[in-house]
Amino acid sequence: MIADRISTRYQDRDKSCNEVVECIKSTVQAKKGNYIAFFRLINI
């Protein structure tokens, strides 16, 4: 999946969270199957 409209920069995280969720949701709803989502945790 490529979603170049969604920023993955740390400072944009709060603004991008809902967009990421909606993107994953639409992908999962489009086709039945097993999915995995990986989110890298960065502690600053």
N, C-alpha and C. Protein backbone atom coordinates (compact mmCIF):
# COMPACT_ATOMS: atom_id res chain seq x y z
N MET A 1 0.84 -1.15 0.00
CA MET A 1 0.00 0.00 0.00
C MET A 1 0.89 1.23 0.00
N ILE A 2 0.58 2.17 -0.83
CA ILE A 2 1.28 3.45 -0.85
C ILE A 2 0.25 4.54 -0.64
N ALA A 3 0.44 5.33 0.40
CA ALA A 3 -0.47 6.44 0.70
C ALA A 3 0.37 7.69 0.87
N ASP A 4 0.79 8.26 -0.24
CA ASP A 4 1.71 9.40 -0.16
C ASP A 4 1.06 10.67 0.36
N ARG A 5 -0.25 10.66 0.55
CA ARG A 5 -0.92 11.84 1.10
C ARG A 5 -0.86 11.89 2.63
N ILE A 6 -0.40 10.80 3.24
CA ILE A 6 -0.33 10.71 4.70
C ILE A 6 1.10 10.92 5.16
N SER A 7 1.27 11.88 6.04
CA SER A 7 2.60 12.16 6.58
C SER A 7 2.92 11.17 7.69
N THR A 8 4.13 10.64 7.67
CA THR A 8 4.56 9.74 8.73
C THR A 8 5.60 10.40 9.64
N ARG A 9 5.74 11.69 9.50
CA ARG A 9 6.69 12.42 10.35
C ARG A 9 6.17 12.45 11.78
N TYR A 10 7.08 12.38 12.74
CA TYR A 10 6.69 12.32 14.15
C TYR A 10 5.81 13.50 14.54
N GLN A 11 6.17 14.70 14.11
CA GLN A 11 5.42 15.88 14.51
C GLN A 11 4.03 15.93 13.86
N ASP A 12 3.78 15.13 12.85
CA ASP A 12 2.47 15.08 12.20
C ASP A 12 1.62 13.90 12.68
N ARG A 13 2.12 13.16 13.63
CA ARG A 13 1.46 11.93 14.07
C ARG A 13 0.00 12.15 14.48
N ASP A 14 -0.26 13.15 15.30
CA ASP A 14 -1.63 13.39 15.76
C ASP A 14 -2.57 13.71 14.60
N LYS A 15 -2.09 14.46 13.62
CA LYS A 15 -2.91 14.82 12.47
C LYS A 15 -3.14 13.64 11.54
N SER A 16 -2.20 12.73 11.47
CA SER A 16 -2.25 11.62 10.51
C SER A 16 -2.94 10.37 11.04
N CYS A 17 -3.13 10.28 12.33
CA CYS A 17 -3.65 9.05 12.94
C CYS A 17 -4.96 8.59 12.31
N ASN A 18 -5.94 9.46 12.21
CA ASN A 18 -7.23 9.07 11.65
C ASN A 18 -7.12 8.67 10.19
N GLU A 19 -6.26 9.34 9.44
CA GLU A 19 -6.07 8.99 8.03
C GLU A 19 -5.48 7.59 7.89
N VAL A 20 -4.54 7.25 8.75
CA VAL A 20 -3.93 5.92 8.73
C VAL A 20 -4.99 4.86 9.05
N VAL A 21 -5.79 5.12 10.08
CA VAL A 21 -6.84 4.18 10.46
C VAL A 21 -7.82 3.97 9.31
N GLU A 22 -8.26 5.04 8.67
CA GLU A 22 -9.22 4.93 7.57
C GLU A 22 -8.63 4.19 6.38
N CYS A 23 -7.36 4.40 6.12
CA CYS A 23 -6.68 3.71 5.01
C CYS A 23 -6.63 2.21 5.27
N ILE A 24 -6.25 1.83 6.48
CA ILE A 24 -6.20 0.41 6.85
C ILE A 24 -7.61 -0.18 6.81
N LYS A 25 -8.56 0.53 7.35
CA LYS A 25 -9.95 0.06 7.38
C LYS A 25 -10.49 -0.20 5.98
N SER A 26 -10.26 0.72 5.06
CA SER A 26 -10.78 0.54 3.70
C SER A 26 -10.08 -0.62 2.99
N THR A 27 -8.82 -0.82 3.27
CA THR A 27 -8.08 -1.94 2.68
C THR A 27 -8.63 -3.28 3.18
N VAL A 28 -8.85 -3.38 4.48
CA VAL A 28 -9.34 -4.62 5.08
C VAL A 28 -10.77 -4.92 4.63
N GLN A 29 -11.58 -3.89 4.49
CA GLN A 29 -12.97 -4.09 4.06
C GLN A 29 -13.08 -4.46 2.58
N ALA A 30 -12.08 -4.12 1.80
CA ALA A 30 -12.12 -4.37 0.36
C ALA A 30 -11.98 -5.85 0.01
N LYS A 31 -11.25 -6.59 0.82
CA LYS A 31 -11.03 -8.00 0.51
C LYS A 31 -10.87 -8.80 1.80
N LYS A 32 -11.59 -9.89 1.88
CA LYS A 32 -11.52 -10.76 3.05
C LYS A 32 -10.14 -11.42 3.10
N GLY A 33 -9.58 -11.50 4.30
CA GLY A 33 -8.28 -12.14 4.45
C GLY A 33 -7.64 -11.78 5.77
N ASN A 34 -6.40 -12.14 5.90
CA ASN A 34 -5.63 -11.84 7.10
C ASN A 34 -4.69 -10.68 6.80
N TYR A 35 -4.60 -9.76 7.73
CA TYR A 35 -3.76 -8.58 7.55
C TYR A 35 -2.93 -8.35 8.80
N ILE A 36 -1.82 -7.67 8.62
CA ILE A 36 -0.99 -7.26 9.75
C ILE A 36 -0.56 -5.82 9.50
N ALA A 37 -0.56 -5.04 10.56
CA ALA A 37 -0.09 -3.66 10.47
C ALA A 37 1.05 -3.50 11.47
N PHE A 38 2.12 -2.90 11.03
CA PHE A 38 3.29 -2.69 11.88
C PHE A 38 3.47 -1.20 12.10
N PHE A 39 3.61 -0.83 13.35
CA PHE A 39 3.85 0.57 13.71
C PHE A 39 5.12 0.63 14.53
N ARG A 40 6.09 1.33 14.01
CA ARG A 40 7.36 1.47 14.71
C ARG A 40 7.19 2.47 15.85
N LEU A 41 7.62 2.11 17.03
CA LEU A 41 7.53 2.97 18.19
C LEU A 41 8.85 3.70 18.37
N ILE A 42 8.76 5.00 18.44
CA ILE A 42 9.95 5.81 18.65
C ILE A 42 9.77 6.58 19.95
N ASN A 43 10.63 6.34 20.89
CA ASN A 43 10.60 7.08 22.15
C ASN A 43 11.58 8.23 22.08
N ILE A 44 11.06 9.41 22.27
CA ILE A 44 11.93 10.60 22.23
C ILE A 44 11.91 11.26 23.58
